[in-house]
């Protein structure tokens, strides 16, 4: 693997394939962790995230973006279900 520098360098096909393989492995691991996480833990994580929104000044902007976010989720869902 080539060292990273500030300049953009081309990547060999082998390095690109290895990079994509590592991301595929990471993606499978993350999906497995999500499947293995209990619903109770997921709800605690969601509650913690929602509780942090006002402290980060997000609550006002969240309300304004609700419709756009809902529309994006519905588009993703339709494409996932093949209804696109």
N, C-alpha and C. Protein backbone atom coordinates (compact mmCIF):
# COMPACT_ATOMS: atom_id res chain seq x y z
N UNK A 1 0.85 -1.18 0.00
CA UNK A 1 0.00 0.00 0.00
C UNK A 1 0.89 1.24 0.00
N UNK A 2 0.49 2.25 -0.74
CA UNK A 2 1.29 3.46 -0.85
C UNK A 2 1.04 4.37 0.35
N UNK A 3 2.07 5.10 0.78
CA UNK A 3 1.86 6.05 1.89
C UNK A 3 0.97 7.19 1.44
N UNK A 4 0.20 7.73 2.37
CA UNK A 4 -0.69 8.84 2.06
C UNK A 4 0.10 10.14 2.13
N UNK A 5 -0.10 10.99 1.16
CA UNK A 5 0.53 12.30 1.14
C UNK A 5 -0.54 13.32 0.79
N UNK A 6 -0.14 14.58 0.78
CA UNK A 6 -1.09 15.63 0.42
C UNK A 6 -1.43 15.63 -1.05
N UNK A 7 -0.59 15.03 -1.87
CA UNK A 7 -0.84 14.97 -3.31
C UNK A 7 -1.72 13.78 -3.62
N UNK A 8 -2.57 13.97 -4.61
CA UNK A 8 -3.39 12.84 -5.07
C UNK A 8 -2.54 11.95 -5.95
N UNK A 9 -2.59 10.68 -5.66
CA UNK A 9 -1.85 9.72 -6.47
C UNK A 9 -2.81 8.66 -6.96
N UNK A 10 -2.48 8.09 -8.10
CA UNK A 10 -3.33 7.02 -8.60
C UNK A 10 -3.14 5.79 -7.73
N UNK A 11 -4.13 4.97 -7.74
CA UNK A 11 -4.11 3.75 -6.94
C UNK A 11 -4.12 2.57 -7.90
N UNK A 12 -3.35 1.58 -7.57
CA UNK A 12 -3.28 0.41 -8.45
C UNK A 12 -4.58 -0.38 -8.35
N UNK A 13 -4.90 -1.14 -9.38
CA UNK A 13 -6.11 -1.97 -9.32
C UNK A 13 -6.08 -2.94 -8.13
N UNK A 14 -4.91 -3.44 -7.80
CA UNK A 14 -4.79 -4.36 -6.66
C UNK A 14 -5.09 -3.65 -5.35
N UNK A 15 -4.53 -2.42 -5.19
CA UNK A 15 -4.80 -1.65 -3.97
C UNK A 15 -6.27 -1.27 -3.88
N UNK A 16 -6.87 -0.93 -5.02
CA UNK A 16 -8.30 -0.58 -5.03
C UNK A 16 -9.14 -1.78 -4.62
N UNK A 17 -8.81 -2.95 -5.15
CA UNK A 17 -9.55 -4.16 -4.81
C UNK A 17 -9.40 -4.49 -3.33
N UNK A 18 -8.19 -4.34 -2.80
CA UNK A 18 -7.96 -4.61 -1.37
C UNK A 18 -8.75 -3.63 -0.51
N UNK A 19 -8.78 -2.37 -0.91
CA UNK A 19 -9.53 -1.34 -0.19
C UNK A 19 -11.01 -1.70 -0.16
N UNK A 20 -11.56 -2.04 -1.31
CA UNK A 20 -12.97 -2.40 -1.38
C UNK A 20 -13.27 -3.65 -0.57
N UNK A 21 -12.35 -4.59 -0.57
CA UNK A 21 -12.53 -5.81 0.22
C UNK A 21 -12.58 -5.49 1.72
N UNK A 22 -11.70 -4.60 2.16
CA UNK A 22 -11.70 -4.22 3.59
C UNK A 22 -13.03 -3.56 3.96
N UNK A 23 -13.55 -2.69 3.09
CA UNK A 23 -14.83 -2.05 3.37
C UNK A 23 -15.96 -3.06 3.37
N UNK A 24 -15.89 -4.05 2.51
CA UNK A 24 -16.92 -5.09 2.50
C UNK A 24 -16.91 -5.87 3.81
N UNK A 25 -15.72 -6.20 4.29
CA UNK A 25 -15.59 -6.91 5.57
C UNK A 25 -16.14 -6.04 6.70
N UNK A 26 -15.77 -4.76 6.70
CA UNK A 26 -16.26 -3.85 7.74
C UNK A 26 -17.78 -3.73 7.69
N UNK A 27 -18.34 -3.64 6.48
CA UNK A 27 -19.79 -3.54 6.34
C UNK A 27 -20.51 -4.77 6.87
N UNK A 28 -19.97 -5.94 6.56
CA UNK A 28 -20.58 -7.18 7.07
C UNK A 28 -20.53 -7.21 8.59
N UNK A 29 -19.41 -6.78 9.16
CA UNK A 29 -19.25 -6.78 10.62
C UNK A 29 -20.24 -5.82 11.27
N UNK A 30 -20.38 -4.63 10.67
CA UNK A 30 -21.33 -3.65 11.23
C UNK A 30 -22.77 -4.16 11.16
N UNK A 31 -23.13 -4.77 10.04
CA UNK A 31 -24.49 -5.31 9.92
C UNK A 31 -24.73 -6.42 10.95
N UNK A 32 -23.72 -7.25 11.18
CA UNK A 32 -23.86 -8.31 12.18
C UNK A 32 -24.02 -7.71 13.58
N UNK A 33 -23.23 -6.69 13.89
CA UNK A 33 -23.36 -6.03 15.19
C UNK A 33 -24.75 -5.44 15.37
N UNK A 34 -25.29 -4.84 14.32
CA UNK A 34 -26.65 -4.28 14.41
C UNK A 34 -27.68 -5.38 14.66
N UNK A 35 -27.52 -6.51 13.98
CA UNK A 35 -28.46 -7.63 14.20
C UNK A 35 -28.34 -8.17 15.62
N UNK A 36 -27.12 -8.18 16.15
CA UNK A 36 -26.88 -8.76 17.48
C UNK A 36 -27.24 -7.81 18.63
N UNK A 37 -27.39 -6.52 18.34
CA UNK A 37 -27.70 -5.55 19.39
C UNK A 37 -29.16 -5.69 19.79
N UNK A 38 -29.39 -5.77 21.09
CA UNK A 38 -30.76 -5.93 21.57
C UNK A 38 -31.59 -4.68 21.31
N UNK A 39 -32.89 -4.87 21.23
CA UNK A 39 -33.79 -3.74 21.02
C UNK A 39 -33.68 -2.76 22.20
N UNK A 40 -33.51 -3.28 23.39
CA UNK A 40 -33.35 -2.42 24.57
C UNK A 40 -32.15 -1.50 24.42
N UNK A 41 -31.03 -2.05 23.99
CA UNK A 41 -29.83 -1.24 23.79
C UNK A 41 -30.04 -0.21 22.70
N UNK A 42 -30.69 -0.60 21.60
CA UNK A 42 -30.96 0.34 20.52
C UNK A 42 -31.84 1.48 21.00
N UNK A 43 -32.83 1.18 21.82
CA UNK A 43 -33.71 2.23 22.34
C UNK A 43 -32.96 3.16 23.28
N UNK A 44 -32.06 2.61 24.10
CA UNK A 44 -31.23 3.46 24.98
C UNK A 44 -30.33 4.37 24.14
N UNK A 45 -29.76 3.84 23.08
CA UNK A 45 -28.91 4.65 22.21
C UNK A 45 -29.71 5.76 21.54
N UNK A 46 -30.90 5.43 21.07
CA UNK A 46 -31.76 6.43 20.45
C UNK A 46 -32.15 7.52 21.46
N UNK A 47 -32.50 7.12 22.66
CA UNK A 47 -32.87 8.09 23.69
C UNK A 47 -31.70 9.02 24.00
N UNK A 48 -30.50 8.47 24.09
CA UNK A 48 -29.32 9.29 24.37
C UNK A 48 -29.06 10.27 23.23
N UNK A 49 -29.22 9.81 22.00
CA UNK A 49 -29.02 10.69 20.85
C UNK A 49 -30.05 11.81 20.85
N UNK A 50 -31.30 11.47 21.09
CA UNK A 50 -32.35 12.49 21.09
C UNK A 50 -32.18 13.48 22.24
N UNK A 51 -31.70 13.00 23.38
CA UNK A 51 -31.47 13.89 24.52
C UNK A 51 -30.32 14.86 24.25
N UNK A 52 -29.38 14.46 23.40
CA UNK A 52 -28.24 15.33 23.13
C UNK A 52 -28.56 16.43 22.11
N UNK A 53 -29.63 16.28 21.34
CA UNK A 53 -29.95 17.25 20.29
C UNK A 53 -30.10 18.68 20.83
N UNK A 54 -30.88 18.92 21.87
CA UNK A 54 -31.02 20.31 22.35
C UNK A 54 -29.69 20.90 22.85
N UNK A 55 -28.87 20.07 23.48
CA UNK A 55 -27.59 20.57 23.98
C UNK A 55 -26.65 20.97 22.85
N UNK A 56 -26.88 20.41 21.68
CA UNK A 56 -26.03 20.73 20.53
C UNK A 56 -26.68 21.77 19.62
N UNK A 57 -27.83 22.28 20.04
CA UNK A 57 -28.51 23.31 19.26
C UNK A 57 -29.20 22.78 18.02
N UNK A 58 -29.54 21.51 18.02
CA UNK A 58 -30.13 20.90 16.83
C UNK A 58 -31.65 20.92 16.83
N UNK A 59 -32.28 21.14 17.95
CA UNK A 59 -33.73 20.95 18.02
C UNK A 59 -34.49 21.86 17.07
N UNK A 60 -34.10 23.11 16.93
CA UNK A 60 -34.79 24.01 16.02
C UNK A 60 -34.63 23.61 14.57
N UNK A 61 -33.45 23.22 14.19
CA UNK A 61 -33.23 22.84 12.80
C UNK A 61 -33.84 21.49 12.48
N UNK A 62 -33.97 20.63 13.48
CA UNK A 62 -34.58 19.32 13.22
C UNK A 62 -36.02 19.47 12.78
N UNK A 63 -36.76 20.35 13.44
CA UNK A 63 -38.16 20.55 13.08
C UNK A 63 -38.29 21.03 11.64
N UNK A 64 -37.40 21.92 11.22
CA UNK A 64 -37.46 22.47 9.87
C UNK A 64 -37.15 21.42 8.82
N UNK A 65 -36.35 20.42 9.17
CA UNK A 65 -35.91 19.43 8.19
C UNK A 65 -36.72 18.15 8.20
N UNK A 66 -37.70 18.04 9.10
CA UNK A 66 -38.47 16.80 9.23
C UNK A 66 -39.06 16.32 7.91
N UNK A 67 -39.73 17.20 7.19
CA UNK A 67 -40.39 16.78 5.95
C UNK A 67 -39.39 16.30 4.91
N UNK A 68 -38.27 17.01 4.78
CA UNK A 68 -37.26 16.61 3.81
C UNK A 68 -36.65 15.25 4.17
N UNK A 69 -36.42 15.05 5.45
CA UNK A 69 -35.85 13.78 5.90
C UNK A 69 -36.83 12.64 5.67
N UNK A 70 -38.09 12.87 6.00
CA UNK A 70 -39.12 11.84 5.77
C UNK A 70 -39.18 11.46 4.30
N UNK A 71 -39.11 12.46 3.42
CA UNK A 71 -39.17 12.20 1.99
C UNK A 71 -37.95 11.39 1.53
N UNK A 72 -36.77 11.71 2.07
CA UNK A 72 -35.57 10.94 1.71
C UNK A 72 -35.70 9.50 2.16
N UNK A 73 -36.19 9.29 3.39
CA UNK A 73 -36.36 7.92 3.90
C UNK A 73 -37.35 7.15 3.05
N UNK A 74 -38.43 7.80 2.66
CA UNK A 74 -39.43 7.11 1.83
C UNK A 74 -38.84 6.75 0.47
N UNK A 75 -38.03 7.63 -0.11
CA UNK A 75 -37.40 7.34 -1.40
C UNK A 75 -36.45 6.15 -1.25
N UNK A 76 -35.68 6.13 -0.17
CA UNK A 76 -34.78 5.00 0.08
C UNK A 76 -35.57 3.71 0.26
N UNK A 77 -36.63 3.81 1.00
CA UNK A 77 -37.45 2.62 1.25
C UNK A 77 -38.07 2.09 -0.03
N UNK A 78 -38.57 3.02 -0.87
CA UNK A 78 -39.15 2.60 -2.14
C UNK A 78 -38.10 1.93 -3.02
N UNK A 79 -36.89 2.48 -3.05
CA UNK A 79 -35.84 1.87 -3.87
C UNK A 79 -35.42 0.52 -3.29
N UNK A 80 -35.39 0.39 -1.99
CA UNK A 80 -35.04 -0.88 -1.34
C UNK A 80 -36.09 -1.96 -1.64
N UNK A 81 -37.34 -1.55 -1.69
CA UNK A 81 -38.43 -2.49 -1.94
C UNK A 81 -38.70 -2.68 -3.43
N UNK A 82 -37.93 -1.98 -4.26
CA UNK A 82 -38.11 -2.12 -5.70
C UNK A 82 -39.33 -1.38 -6.23
N UNK A 83 -39.77 -0.38 -5.49
CA UNK A 83 -40.96 0.38 -5.90
C UNK A 83 -40.56 1.69 -6.57
N UNK A 84 -39.24 1.86 -6.81
CA UNK A 84 -38.71 3.13 -7.31
C UNK A 84 -39.16 3.52 -8.63
